[in-house]
Amino acid sequence: MGGRDRERLEAVRRDLGAPAEIVVADALDGDAMAAMARRTHAVVSTVGPYARYGTPLVAACADAGTDYADLTAEALWMRSTVDAFHDRAVQSGARIVHACGFDSLPSDLGTWRLHTEALQRYGRPCRQVVHAFGPMAGGLSGGTVASAFDLIAQAARDPETRRALMDPDLLAPGAPASPDPLGPWWPQRHAGLDGWTTPFVMAASNAKVVRRTRALLGEPWGDDVRYLERLRVPTWARAATVGLMSVAAPVLLAPAFVRRLAAGVLPEPGQGPSEAVRKRGYFRSTLVGHVDGVREPVVGHTRADLDPGYGATARMLAEVGLGLAQREFDVGGGVLTPAVVGGQRLVDRLGEVGIRIGT
């Protein structure tokens, strides 16, 4: 276990009853990160906001050839690591794997699995995938709040940031342009799905990771396939309310004083939901893939009876990290995605710990 506070690490070790070695190192100390990366095969990092604290460790792993996995949904930071470290990681063999939690593993691996099934059944991939999240329940992480507020602040003062966040191909530089992955703010219905859909708060980040997978795999499903990610709700009124909130929230939170007020009632970094909230947590999502010339869509699901953040995400990250450390994923280095790294082996590992991704 690694961290900057030996006393707190020892307390966690006592609570777990695990004979783990402790490594004391600060995330912003490049020399300490380099020393840590050189002494291990794989590192998993939960040090969000990653734009503040994550870069020295990624740099150290890319240089040392050490595998790395994290939970980030910070698309701008992910793009910065692609630009700075992808080529270095290719050369060293380091697998740098972002977005290994609820953001964005179900989207990424679920889409990969759906296209794989379509190819097995019909010999061709889906032309369009609609991915609808819901129902779900869970608590909010203080680290997620801090990351979101940092991003909103950056977007509020910088037009280039706003344009980058709107770019569906942000994580696939040089790839052919993709369609909008979000859809309109107003309620929609979709073939193969019950209820109504509305914008999903994590769709922009998730869809960028899905797009990077396509680019890294060489566009195996075609460079014009559409991926649309939405939130599914039972009624038109609820869908409309969520849609309007999705439009209003970035504007309302742009002023710094509003974010300060909101931060006073939201979890701080290091804080999360109560045990009771975590026990009630779960998530479901449905992927509907439409194949040209085929009447019946290919349908996939992701699900877990665990809090999306503090239950399912923890297991997702652990399984990616263990697969890397135990050399189970046969892929070369680079700044990669969960689907590119893990494929079917990761689907199988997740199934063993209560997280289903399949058709």
Protein backbone atom coordinates (compact mmCIF):
# COMPACT_ATOMS: atom_id res chain seq x y z
CA MET A 1 0.00 0.00 0.00
CA GLY A 2 1.33 3.39 -0.94
CA GLY A 3 0.50 6.87 0.32
CA ARG A 4 1.92 9.95 2.00
CA ASP A 5 0.80 9.23 5.59
CA ARG A 6 2.34 6.15 7.24
CA GLU A 7 0.04 6.30 10.27
CA ARG A 8 -3.11 6.22 8.16
CA LEU A 9 -1.72 3.45 5.95
CA GLU A 10 -0.94 1.38 9.04
CA ALA A 11 -4.50 1.92 10.30
CA VAL A 12 -5.93 0.65 7.00
CA ARG A 13 -3.59 -2.33 7.11
CA ARG A 14 -4.77 -3.19 10.64
CA ASP A 15 -8.42 -2.88 9.61
CA LEU A 16 -7.87 -5.19 6.64
CA GLY A 17 -5.71 -7.65 8.49
CA ALA A 18 -3.57 -7.82 5.37
CA PRO A 19 0.23 -8.38 5.46
CA ALA A 20 0.83 -5.56 2.99
CA GLU A 21 4.13 -3.75 2.73
CA ILE A 22 3.81 0.02 3.15
CA VAL A 23 5.44 2.51 0.80
CA VAL A 24 5.42 6.13 1.96
CA ALA A 25 5.48 8.53 -0.99
CA ASP A 26 3.76 11.77 -1.99
CA ALA A 27 1.94 11.84 -5.33
CA LEU A 28 3.59 15.15 -6.28
CA ASP A 29 7.14 13.93 -5.52
CA GLY A 30 8.44 12.79 -8.91
CA ASP A 31 11.49 11.06 -7.46
CA ALA A 32 9.37 9.11 -4.97
CA MET A 33 6.95 8.09 -7.74
CA ALA A 34 9.85 6.95 -9.92
CA ALA A 35 11.31 4.86 -7.08
CA MET A 36 7.93 3.28 -6.39
CA ALA A 37 7.28 2.51 -10.06
CA ARG A 38 10.66 0.79 -10.42
CA ARG A 39 9.99 -1.62 -7.56
CA THR A 40 6.65 -3.09 -8.73
CA HIS A 41 4.91 -4.62 -11.75
CA ALA A 42 1.64 -2.65 -11.52
CA VAL A 43 0.18 0.32 -9.64
CA VAL A 44 -3.46 1.28 -9.12
CA SER A 45 -4.13 4.92 -8.29
CA THR A 46 -7.15 6.57 -6.61
CA VAL A 47 -5.52 9.99 -6.21
CA GLY A 48 -8.15 12.24 -7.82
CA PRO A 49 -8.45 14.93 -8.92
CA TYR A 50 -5.91 13.39 -11.25
CA ALA A 51 -5.21 16.66 -13.05
CA ARG A 52 -3.82 17.92 -9.74
CA TYR A 53 -2.09 14.82 -8.41
CA GLY A 54 -1.88 12.11 -11.06
CA THR A 55 0.73 13.09 -13.63
CA PRO A 56 4.02 12.28 -11.79
CA LEU A 57 2.97 8.66 -11.24
CA VAL A 58 1.88 8.17 -14.86
CA ALA A 59 5.20 9.61 -16.02
CA ALA A 60 7.11 7.32 -13.68
CA CYS A 61 5.24 4.22 -14.85
CA ALA A 62 5.63 5.10 -18.53
CA ASP A 63 9.40 5.46 -18.04
CA ALA A 64 9.81 2.33 -15.90
CA GLY A 65 7.62 0.03 -18.00
CA THR A 66 5.30 -0.43 -15.02
CA ASP A 67 1.61 -1.06 -15.61
CA TYR A 68 -0.86 1.46 -14.20
CA ALA A 69 -4.64 1.71 -13.72
CA ASP A 70 -6.85 4.46 -12.32
CA LEU A 71 -10.43 5.68 -11.92
CA THR A 72 -10.30 9.00 -13.70
CA ALA A 73 -13.13 10.45 -15.75
CA GLU A 74 -11.14 13.65 -16.41
CA ALA A 75 -11.10 13.69 -20.20
CA LEU A 76 -8.78 16.69 -20.54
CA TRP A 77 -6.21 15.09 -18.25
CA MET A 78 -6.50 11.79 -20.10
CA ARG A 79 -5.78 13.62 -23.34
CA SER A 80 -2.72 15.22 -21.75
CA THR A 81 -1.36 11.77 -20.85
CA VAL A 82 -2.04 10.52 -24.38
CA ASP A 83 -0.01 13.41 -25.78
CA ALA A 84 2.80 13.19 -23.24
CA PHE A 85 3.16 9.49 -22.46
CA HIS A 86 1.56 7.23 -25.08
CA ASP A 87 4.70 6.89 -27.21
CA ARG A 88 6.91 6.51 -24.14
CA ALA A 89 4.64 3.76 -22.80
CA VAL A 90 4.64 1.98 -26.17
CA GLN A 91 8.44 1.91 -26.06
CA SER A 92 8.70 0.81 -22.41
CA GLY A 93 5.78 -1.65 -22.57
CA ALA A 94 3.84 0.08 -19.78
CA ARG A 95 0.07 -0.35 -20.03
CA ILE A 96 -1.44 2.94 -18.79
CA VAL A 97 -5.15 2.24 -18.31
CA HIS A 98 -7.50 5.09 -17.41
CA ALA A 99 -11.21 5.03 -16.52
CA CYS A 100 -11.31 1.62 -14.81
CA GLY A 101 -14.35 2.31 -12.63
CA PHE A 102 -18.04 2.99 -13.17
CA ASP A 103 -16.63 5.77 -15.33
CA SER A 104 -16.05 4.38 -17.95
CA LEU A 105 -15.58 0.61 -17.81
CA PRO A 106 -19.23 -0.50 -18.30
CA SER A 107 -19.54 1.77 -21.35
CA ASP A 108 -16.22 0.75 -22.84
CA LEU A 109 -16.27 -2.98 -22.16
CA GLY A 110 -20.03 -3.24 -22.71
CA THR A 111 -19.73 -1.70 -26.18
CA TRP A 112 -16.78 -3.95 -27.05
CA ARG A 113 -18.75 -7.01 -25.94
CA LEU A 114 -21.84 -5.96 -27.94
CA HIS A 115 -19.88 -5.51 -31.18
CA THR A 116 -18.10 -8.82 -30.56
CA GLU A 117 -21.47 -10.56 -30.24
CA ALA A 118 -22.81 -8.91 -33.42
CA LEU A 119 -19.74 -10.06 -35.35
CA GLN A 120 -20.16 -13.61 -34.05
CA ARG A 121 -23.86 -13.72 -34.94
CA TYR A 122 -24.01 -11.82 -38.21
CA GLY A 123 -20.46 -11.36 -39.42
CA ARG A 124 -20.70 -7.58 -39.16
CA PRO A 125 -20.72 -5.04 -36.32
CA CYS A 126 -23.48 -2.76 -35.08
CA ARG A 127 -24.04 0.40 -37.10
CA GLN A 128 -25.48 2.19 -34.05
CA VAL A 129 -25.32 1.48 -30.31
CA VAL A 130 -27.69 3.12 -27.84
CA HIS A 131 -26.48 2.67 -24.27
CA ALA A 132 -29.04 3.56 -21.58
CA PHE A 133 -28.06 3.69 -17.90
CA GLY A 134 -30.67 3.09 -15.23
CA PRO A 135 -32.13 2.25 -12.92
CA MET A 136 -29.37 2.81 -10.38
CA ALA A 137 -28.72 4.03 -6.85
CA GLY A 138 -25.58 4.99 -4.98
CA GLY A 139 -23.61 7.64 -3.13
CA LEU A 140 -21.40 10.48 -4.26
CA SER A 141 -17.62 10.63 -3.85
CA GLY A 142 -15.92 13.80 -2.66
CA GLY A 143 -13.10 13.17 -5.12
CA THR A 144 -15.59 13.05 -7.97
CA VAL A 145 -17.10 16.35 -6.83
CA ALA A 146 -13.66 17.98 -6.67
CA SER A 147 -12.74 16.73 -10.14
CA ALA A 148 -16.03 18.00 -11.59
CA PHE A 149 -15.67 21.42 -9.97
CA ASP A 150 -12.10 21.75 -11.22
CA LEU A 151 -13.28 21.00 -14.74
CA ILE A 152 -16.22 23.43 -14.53
CA ALA A 153 -13.89 26.17 -13.29
CA GLN A 154 -11.44 25.54 -16.13
CA ALA A 155 -14.22 25.52 -18.72
CA ALA A 156 -15.73 28.72 -17.33
CA ARG A 157 -12.53 30.70 -17.92
CA ASP A 158 -11.17 29.03 -21.05
CA PRO A 159 -13.02 28.76 -24.41
CA GLU A 160 -10.50 26.16 -25.66
CA THR A 161 -11.43 23.90 -22.74
CA ARG A 162 -15.11 24.20 -23.59
CA ARG A 163 -14.43 23.28 -27.21
CA ALA A 164 -12.27 20.32 -26.19
CA LEU A 165 -14.94 18.97 -23.86
CA MET A 166 -17.45 19.12 -26.72
CA ASP A 167 -15.16 17.13 -29.03
CA PRO A 168 -16.25 13.46 -29.21
CA ASP A 169 -12.84 12.56 -30.64
CA LEU A 170 -10.78 14.25 -27.89
CA LEU A 171 -9.15 10.95 -26.88
CA ALA A 172 -8.68 9.76 -30.46
CA PRO A 173 -6.44 12.42 -32.02
CA GLY A 174 -6.10 12.01 -35.76
CA ALA A 175 -9.05 9.63 -36.06
CA PRO A 176 -12.05 10.30 -38.36
CA ALA A 177 -14.70 12.57 -36.91
CA SER A 178 -17.47 10.87 -34.92
CA PRO A 179 -21.14 11.77 -34.42
CA ASP A 180 -22.39 13.48 -31.28
CA PRO A 181 -22.52 10.84 -28.51
CA LEU A 182 -24.96 12.70 -26.23
CA GLY A 183 -28.15 13.40 -28.14
CA PRO A 184 -30.54 16.28 -27.38
CA TRP A 185 -31.53 17.51 -23.93
CA TRP A 186 -35.20 16.70 -24.50
CA PRO A 187 -36.71 13.26 -23.82
CA GLN A 188 -36.34 10.55 -26.45
CA ARG A 189 -37.61 7.05 -27.02
CA HIS A 190 -35.46 4.34 -28.62
CA ALA A 191 -36.28 1.03 -30.27
CA GLY A 192 -35.56 -1.84 -27.91
CA LEU A 193 -35.74 0.28 -24.74
CA ASP A 194 -38.64 0.89 -22.36
CA GLY A 195 -39.27 4.35 -20.93
CA TRP A 196 -37.64 7.62 -21.92
CA THR A 197 -34.04 8.71 -22.18
CA THR A 198 -32.36 11.99 -21.27
CA PRO A 199 -28.73 13.16 -21.12
CA PHE A 200 -26.51 11.16 -18.75
CA VAL A 201 -24.06 13.18 -16.70
CA MET A 202 -21.08 10.91 -17.49
CA ALA A 203 -21.87 10.31 -21.16
CA ALA A 204 -19.39 12.85 -22.52
CA SER A 205 -16.46 11.25 -20.70
CA ASN A 206 -17.60 7.66 -21.22
CA ALA A 207 -18.15 8.13 -24.95
CA LYS A 208 -14.65 9.56 -25.39
CA VAL A 209 -13.17 6.41 -23.85
CA VAL A 210 -15.32 4.24 -26.13
CA ARG A 211 -14.06 6.31 -29.08
CA ARG A 212 -10.43 5.78 -28.03
CA THR A 213 -10.97 2.03 -27.96
CA ARG A 214 -12.17 2.11 -31.57
CA ALA A 215 -9.15 4.14 -32.64
CA LEU A 216 -6.64 1.93 -30.80
CA LEU A 217 -8.17 -1.22 -32.30
CA GLY A 218 -7.96 0.23 -35.81
CA GLU A 219 -11.66 1.02 -36.32
CA PRO A 220 -12.78 -2.64 -36.46
CA TRP A 221 -16.47 -1.62 -36.35
CA GLY A 222 -16.15 1.10 -38.99
CA ASP A 223 -15.21 4.72 -38.54
CA ASP A 224 -18.80 5.96 -38.83
CA VAL A 225 -20.51 3.79 -36.20
CA ARG A 226 -22.61 5.83 -33.80
CA TYR A 227 -22.49 5.44 -30.02
CA LEU A 228 -25.22 7.26 -28.09
CA GLU A 229 -25.22 7.18 -24.28
CA ARG A 230 -28.25 8.28 -22.26
CA LEU A 231 -29.97 7.95 -18.88
CA ARG A 232 -33.18 5.89 -18.87
CA VAL A 233 -36.11 7.04 -16.71
CA PRO A 234 -39.71 5.81 -16.58
CA THR A 235 -41.63 9.01 -17.41
CA TRP A 236 -41.47 11.88 -19.90
CA ALA A 237 -41.74 14.45 -17.09
CA ARG A 238 -38.73 13.09 -15.23
CA ALA A 239 -36.71 12.89 -18.44
CA ALA A 240 -37.55 16.50 -19.25
CA THR A 241 -36.59 17.65 -15.75
CA VAL A 242 -33.23 15.89 -15.88
CA GLY A 243 -32.61 17.24 -19.39
CA LEU A 244 -33.27 20.82 -18.33
CA MET A 245 -31.01 20.38 -15.29
CA SER A 246 -28.23 19.08 -17.53
CA VAL A 247 -28.42 22.27 -19.57
CA ALA A 248 -28.69 24.59 -16.57
CA ALA A 249 -26.10 23.04 -14.24
CA PRO A 250 -22.90 24.13 -16.08
CA VAL A 251 -24.23 27.69 -16.31
CA LEU A 252 -25.35 27.84 -12.70
CA LEU A 253 -22.07 26.39 -11.40
CA ALA A 254 -19.81 28.60 -13.51
CA PRO A 255 -19.50 31.39 -10.87
CA ALA A 256 -16.91 30.50 -8.23
CA PHE A 257 -19.12 31.58 -5.31
CA VAL A 258 -21.84 29.14 -6.40
CA ARG A 259 -19.34 26.28 -6.42
CA ARG A 260 -18.15 27.31 -2.96
CA LEU A 261 -21.71 27.23 -1.67
CA ALA A 262 -22.32 23.83 -3.28
CA ALA A 263 -19.05 22.47 -1.90
CA GLY A 264 -20.26 23.28 1.60
CA VAL A 265 -23.05 20.71 1.36
CA LEU A 266 -21.34 18.08 -0.82
CA PRO A 267 -18.72 15.50 0.21
CA GLU A 268 -15.10 16.65 0.38
CA PRO A 269 -12.20 14.65 -1.10
CA GLY A 270 -11.74 11.58 1.04
CA GLN A 271 -15.41 11.49 2.01
CA GLY A 272 -18.12 9.27 0.57
CA PRO A 273 -21.53 7.77 1.22
CA SER A 274 -22.55 6.10 4.46
CA GLU A 275 -22.50 2.34 4.85
CA ALA A 276 -26.31 2.28 4.66
CA VAL A 277 -26.27 4.13 1.32
CA ARG A 278 -23.57 1.85 -0.03
CA LYS A 279 -25.52 -1.26 0.91
CA ARG A 280 -28.52 -0.05 -1.09
CA GLY A 281 -26.44 0.78 -4.15
CA TYR A 282 -26.70 -0.95 -7.52
CA PHE A 283 -26.66 -0.18 -11.23
CA ARG A 284 -28.13 -1.49 -14.46
CA SER A 285 -27.56 -0.48 -18.06
CA THR A 286 -28.80 -1.76 -21.41
CA LEU A 287 -26.99 -1.58 -24.74
CA VAL A 288 -29.02 -1.94 -27.93
CA GLY A 289 -27.03 -2.48 -31.09
CA HIS A 290 -28.58 -2.13 -34.55
CA VAL A 291 -26.97 -4.14 -37.36
CA ASP A 292 -27.62 -3.21 -41.00
CA GLY A 293 -30.02 -5.65 -42.64
CA VAL A 294 -30.96 -7.37 -39.36
CA ARG A 295 -34.44 -6.84 -37.88
CA GLU A 296 -33.70 -7.85 -34.27
CA PRO A 297 -31.17 -5.73 -32.40
CA VAL A 298 -28.30 -7.17 -30.40
CA VAL A 299 -28.96 -6.43 -26.73
CA GLY A 300 -26.36 -6.34 -23.96
CA HIS A 301 -26.45 -5.53 -20.28
CA THR A 302 -24.13 -4.34 -17.53
CA ARG A 303 -25.14 -4.74 -13.90
CA ALA A 304 -23.98 -5.08 -10.31
CA ASP A 305 -25.77 -5.22 -6.97
CA LEU A 306 -23.15 -2.90 -5.53
CA ASP A 307 -22.81 0.83 -5.00
CA PRO A 308 -21.55 2.10 -8.39
CA GLY A 309 -18.67 4.05 -6.83
CA TYR A 310 -17.71 2.42 -3.55
CA GLY A 311 -18.64 -1.15 -4.43
CA ALA A 312 -18.54 -1.83 -8.15
CA THR A 313 -15.83 0.70 -8.97
CA ALA A 314 -13.53 -0.68 -6.30
CA ARG A 315 -13.86 -4.19 -7.72
CA MET A 316 -13.46 -3.03 -11.30
CA LEU A 317 -10.19 -1.25 -10.51
CA ALA A 318 -8.96 -4.20 -8.45
CA GLU A 319 -9.61 -6.67 -11.26
CA VAL A 320 -7.82 -4.52 -13.84
CA GLY A 321 -4.90 -4.10 -11.47
CA LEU A 322 -4.69 -7.80 -10.63
CA GLY A 323 -4.94 -8.78 -14.27
CA LEU A 324 -2.05 -6.44 -15.09
CA ALA A 325 0.07 -7.55 -12.14
CA GLN A 326 -0.47 -11.25 -12.91
CA ARG A 327 0.31 -10.77 -16.62
CA GLU A 328 -3.12 -12.00 -17.75
CA PHE A 329 -3.66 -9.34 -20.42
CA ASP A 330 -1.75 -9.95 -23.64
CA VAL A 331 -1.39 -6.49 -25.12
CA GLY A 332 1.47 -4.07 -25.65
CA GLY A 333 2.12 -0.74 -23.99
CA GLY A 334 0.55 2.68 -24.43
CA VAL A 335 -2.17 4.86 -22.94
CA LEU A 336 -4.98 2.35 -23.35
CA THR A 337 -8.56 1.61 -22.29
CA PRO A 338 -10.11 -1.21 -20.23
CA ALA A 339 -11.54 -2.93 -23.32
CA VAL A 340 -8.27 -2.77 -25.27
CA VAL A 341 -6.29 -4.14 -22.34
CA GLY A 342 -8.66 -6.71 -20.88
CA GLY A 343 -11.15 -7.85 -23.52
CA GLN A 344 -12.90 -11.11 -22.70
CA ARG A 345 -10.51 -12.00 -19.89
CA LEU A 346 -11.54 -8.85 -18.03
CA VAL A 347 -15.23 -9.61 -18.69
CA ASP A 348 -14.67 -13.03 -17.09
CA ARG A 349 -12.75 -11.62 -14.11
CA LEU A 350 -15.50 -9.09 -13.40
CA GLY A 351 -18.17 -11.78 -13.58
CA GLU A 352 -16.36 -13.64 -10.81
CA VAL A 353 -16.77 -10.66 -8.45
CA GLY A 354 -20.41 -9.82 -9.17
CA ILE A 355 -20.16 -7.43 -12.10
CA ARG A 356 -21.89 -8.66 -15.24
CA ILE A 357 -21.01 -7.36 -18.71
CA GLY A 358 -22.53 -9.43 -21.48
CA THR A 359 -25.34 -10.21 -23.91
